[in-house]
Amino acid sequence: MLESGYYKSKIEAGVDEAGRGCYAGPVFAAAVILPGDFFHPLLNDSKQVSVKNRELLRQVIERESLAFAVARVDNQEIDRINILQASFKAMHLSLDQLSIKPEHLLVDGNRFKTYRNISHHCIVKGDGIYASIAAASILAKTHRDEFMLKLHKEFDYYGWDTNKGYGTATHRKAIALRGLSKYHRKSFHILPAGAPLFND
C-alpha cells in the first residue's frame, strides 16, 4: 500500500516526469495534491499499471485530487538546455499551474532544482512509495502518450503510436531509413552514420 505523505501536517504535492529517455517528443511532468485519505487499489508507479488502468486512474485523479497540473517542454528546448534541466523545467511549470500552493514537494528521482524556496524530498522510485508521486506519474504518462499519438499521425512510420518515442527497434530502423523528424531530440545523437540527415 502506498504511503499518503511524508509530512501529515503539510500540504504536499507529488511531482514526476515522463519521457525523459525518449528519442522524440516533449518531456512531460505533473504535480498532484491528493486528499489525505485518498486511496485507490490500482494506483502505483505508471510503469506497473496497464494502459487501460492508467486511463481509469487518470480520470479518478483528475476528479478527486485537490489540485493537479500537467506541463511539457518540447524537444527544441530539450536540445537547448539538456534533458535534465528540461525535466526540472517541466516540473516547475506544472507546479506553477497548481491552484493550491504546496508546502512541501515529494519528487520522484534523486535530483531536483529547488522550487520557490519550498522544501522538497527526492525519493528514488518514489512513484512506487508515495500516492501523490504515483498519481503524478500516471498523469504525466497518460498526457504524454496522448500527445505522442497526435504526433504519430504526422509521422506514422516511426511507430510512435506504440513506442511513444522510445528507442525501440522499429523506431531506430525508421530513423536509419528516413532520418530525423522535427520532433526528434538532436542532442541525443541518435542518427546513425549514413542515415539521411533530416525528414520534414
Protein backbone atom coordinates (compact mmCIF):
# COMPACT_ATOMS: atom_id res chain seq x y z
CA MET A 1 0.00 0.00 0.00
CA LEU A 2 1.32 3.43 -0.95
CA GLU A 3 2.06 5.96 1.75
CA SER A 4 -0.15 9.04 1.89
CA GLY A 5 2.66 11.50 2.56
CA TYR A 6 5.90 12.45 4.27
CA TYR A 7 4.55 15.24 6.47
CA LYS A 8 1.00 14.59 7.61
CA SER A 9 0.51 18.21 8.69
CA LYS A 10 1.66 19.87 5.42
CA ILE A 11 0.08 20.31 2.02
CA GLU A 12 2.23 18.08 -0.15
CA ALA A 13 2.44 17.82 -3.92
CA GLY A 14 3.81 14.76 -5.66
CA VAL A 15 5.88 15.53 -8.76
CA ASP A 16 7.05 13.24 -11.55
CA GLU A 17 8.04 13.32 -15.21
CA ALA A 18 7.51 11.10 -18.25
CA GLY A 19 9.51 10.74 -21.44
CA ARG A 20 12.94 11.67 -20.20
CA GLY A 21 14.64 8.81 -22.06
CA CYS A 22 12.69 9.13 -25.31
CA TYR A 23 14.26 9.86 -28.68
CA ALA A 24 11.41 12.13 -29.74
CA GLY A 25 8.72 14.41 -28.39
CA PRO A 26 8.48 16.56 -25.28
CA VAL A 27 9.19 15.64 -21.70
CA PHE A 28 6.03 15.92 -19.60
CA ALA A 29 5.67 16.49 -15.87
CA ALA A 30 2.77 16.51 -13.47
CA ALA A 31 2.17 17.80 -9.96
CA VAL A 32 -0.65 16.41 -7.82
CA ILE A 33 -2.05 17.27 -4.40
CA LEU A 34 -4.23 14.45 -3.09
CA PRO A 35 -6.64 14.44 -0.16
CA GLY A 36 -5.05 12.95 2.93
CA ASP A 37 -7.40 9.98 2.88
CA PHE A 38 -7.07 9.25 -0.85
CA PHE A 39 -6.80 5.58 -1.75
CA HIS A 40 -7.25 3.59 -4.92
CA PRO A 41 -6.27 -0.09 -5.16
CA LEU A 42 -4.90 0.27 -8.69
CA LEU A 43 -2.68 3.28 -8.01
CA ASN A 44 1.02 2.55 -8.49
CA ASP A 45 4.05 3.62 -10.49
CA SER A 46 2.66 4.17 -14.02
CA LYS A 47 5.12 1.64 -15.46
CA GLN A 48 3.47 -1.04 -13.30
CA VAL A 49 -0.07 -0.20 -14.44
CA SER A 50 -1.77 -1.37 -17.64
CA VAL A 51 -2.81 1.15 -20.29
CA LYS A 52 -6.48 0.58 -19.50
CA ASN A 53 -5.98 1.10 -15.77
CA ARG A 54 -3.78 4.17 -16.32
CA GLU A 55 -6.63 5.81 -18.20
CA LEU A 56 -9.07 4.85 -15.46
CA LEU A 57 -6.74 6.25 -12.80
CA ARG A 58 -6.25 9.46 -14.77
CA GLN A 59 -9.98 10.13 -14.56
CA VAL A 60 -10.07 9.34 -10.84
CA ILE A 61 -7.02 11.50 -10.04
CA GLU A 62 -8.23 14.47 -12.08
CA ARG A 63 -11.65 14.23 -10.43
CA GLU A 64 -10.64 13.60 -6.82
CA SER A 65 -7.34 15.44 -6.37
CA LEU A 66 -7.33 18.74 -4.50
CA ALA A 67 -5.21 20.18 -7.31
CA PHE A 68 -3.29 18.87 -10.30
CA ALA A 69 -1.42 20.26 -13.29
CA VAL A 70 0.47 18.89 -16.26
CA ALA A 71 3.17 20.69 -18.29
CA ARG A 72 5.61 19.90 -21.07
CA VAL A 73 8.92 21.09 -22.51
CA ASP A 74 9.41 20.41 -26.22
CA ASN A 75 12.30 18.72 -27.97
CA GLN A 76 13.82 22.01 -29.16
CA GLU A 77 14.07 23.26 -25.60
CA ILE A 78 15.46 19.88 -24.54
CA ASP A 79 18.19 20.27 -27.14
CA ARG A 80 18.91 23.79 -25.95
CA ILE A 81 19.13 23.25 -22.18
CA ASN A 82 19.61 19.42 -21.93
CA ILE A 83 17.13 16.79 -20.81
CA LEU A 84 17.85 17.04 -17.07
CA GLN A 85 17.22 20.78 -16.99
CA ALA A 86 14.20 20.34 -19.26
CA SER A 87 12.76 17.79 -16.81
CA PHE A 88 13.22 20.24 -13.93
CA LYS A 89 11.63 23.00 -16.02
CA ALA A 90 8.60 20.84 -16.85
CA MET A 91 8.18 20.01 -13.15
CA HIS A 92 8.41 23.70 -12.23
CA LEU A 93 5.88 24.62 -14.92
CA SER A 94 3.43 22.06 -13.57
CA LEU A 95 3.88 23.45 -10.05
CA ASP A 96 3.29 26.98 -11.39
CA GLN A 97 -0.17 25.89 -12.52
CA LEU A 98 -1.40 24.35 -9.27
CA SER A 99 -4.45 26.11 -7.85
CA ILE A 100 -3.24 25.35 -4.31
CA LYS A 101 0.27 26.26 -3.19
CA PRO A 102 2.04 23.23 -1.71
CA GLU A 103 4.11 23.47 1.47
CA HIS A 104 6.31 20.51 0.62
CA LEU A 105 7.21 18.58 -2.54
CA LEU A 106 7.76 14.86 -2.99
CA VAL A 107 9.80 14.38 -6.15
CA ASP A 108 10.48 11.12 -7.93
CA GLY A 109 14.18 10.55 -8.57
CA ASN A 110 17.45 11.60 -6.99
CA ARG A 111 17.79 15.22 -8.15
CA PHE A 112 15.64 18.33 -8.28
CA LYS A 113 16.10 22.07 -8.60
CA THR A 114 14.53 23.89 -5.63
CA TYR A 115 11.22 25.48 -6.49
CA ARG A 116 10.32 28.85 -4.92
CA ASN A 117 12.02 28.03 -1.62
CA ILE A 118 9.53 25.22 -1.00
CA SER A 119 11.11 22.29 0.82
CA HIS A 120 11.34 19.01 -1.07
CA HIS A 121 12.37 15.40 -0.77
CA CYS A 122 13.77 13.42 -3.69
CA ILE A 123 12.80 9.75 -3.49
CA VAL A 124 14.30 7.18 -5.85
CA LYS A 125 11.41 5.05 -7.17
CA GLY A 126 9.11 7.30 -5.17
CA ASP A 127 6.28 6.58 -7.60
CA GLY A 128 6.07 3.15 -6.01
CA ILE A 129 6.14 4.54 -2.46
CA TYR A 130 4.04 7.70 -2.22
CA ALA A 131 0.50 8.02 -3.58
CA SER A 132 0.93 11.61 -4.75
CA ILE A 133 4.05 10.76 -6.78
CA ALA A 134 2.31 7.72 -8.25
CA ALA A 135 -0.63 9.95 -9.21
CA ALA A 136 1.75 12.44 -10.84
CA SER A 137 3.42 9.62 -12.75
CA ILE A 138 0.03 8.47 -14.05
CA LEU A 139 -0.92 11.95 -15.27
CA ALA A 140 2.48 12.68 -16.83
CA LYS A 141 2.48 9.34 -18.63
CA THR A 142 -1.11 9.42 -19.91
CA HIS A 143 -0.93 13.03 -21.07
CA ARG A 144 2.36 12.38 -22.84
CA ASP A 145 1.10 9.19 -24.51
CA GLU A 146 -1.95 11.09 -25.74
CA PHE A 147 0.31 13.80 -27.17
CA MET A 148 2.56 11.26 -28.93
CA LEU A 149 -0.48 9.70 -30.61
CA LYS A 150 -1.15 13.09 -32.20
CA LEU A 151 2.44 13.34 -33.43
CA HIS A 152 2.17 9.80 -34.80
CA LYS A 153 -0.50 10.96 -37.25
CA GLU A 154 2.08 13.30 -38.78
CA PHE A 155 4.97 10.78 -38.86
CA ASP A 156 3.39 7.35 -38.69
CA TYR A 157 6.45 5.36 -39.82
CA TYR A 158 8.33 5.91 -36.53
CA GLY A 159 5.77 3.84 -34.63
CA TRP A 160 5.04 6.47 -32.00
CA ASP A 161 1.57 5.03 -31.51
CA THR A 162 3.21 2.05 -29.81
CA ASN A 163 6.71 3.14 -28.72
CA LYS A 164 5.71 6.70 -27.73
CA GLY A 165 9.11 7.99 -28.85
CA TYR A 166 11.30 5.47 -27.03
CA GLY A 167 14.21 3.89 -28.91
CA THR A 168 12.64 0.59 -29.93
CA ALA A 169 13.97 -1.46 -32.85
CA THR A 170 11.12 -0.18 -35.07
CA HIS A 171 11.89 3.41 -34.17
CA ARG A 172 15.65 3.03 -34.69
CA LYS A 173 15.14 1.33 -38.06
CA ALA A 174 12.84 4.14 -39.22
CA ILE A 175 15.44 6.73 -38.18
CA ALA A 176 18.12 4.88 -40.14
CA LEU A 177 15.90 4.80 -43.25
CA ARG A 178 14.17 8.17 -43.03
CA GLY A 179 16.34 10.36 -40.85
CA LEU A 180 15.12 12.56 -38.01
CA SER A 181 11.83 14.43 -37.83
CA LYS A 182 11.34 17.90 -36.43
CA TYR A 183 10.20 16.28 -33.18
CA HIS A 184 13.39 14.27 -32.56
CA ARG A 185 15.92 15.27 -29.92
CA LYS A 186 19.01 16.10 -31.94
CA SER A 187 21.18 16.40 -28.82
CA PHE A 188 20.63 12.68 -28.13
CA HIS A 189 22.88 11.87 -31.14
CA ILE A 190 20.62 9.07 -32.34
CA LEU A 191 21.22 9.43 -36.08
CA PRO A 192 23.38 6.51 -37.30
CA ALA A 193 26.21 7.05 -39.76
CA GLY A 194 25.00 7.17 -43.35
CA ALA A 195 21.37 7.87 -42.48
CA PRO A 196 19.51 10.80 -44.06
CA LEU A 197 20.05 13.97 -42.04
CA PHE A 198 16.52 15.25 -41.70
CA ASN A 199 12.97 14.43 -42.67
CA ASP A 200 10.30 17.15 -42.63
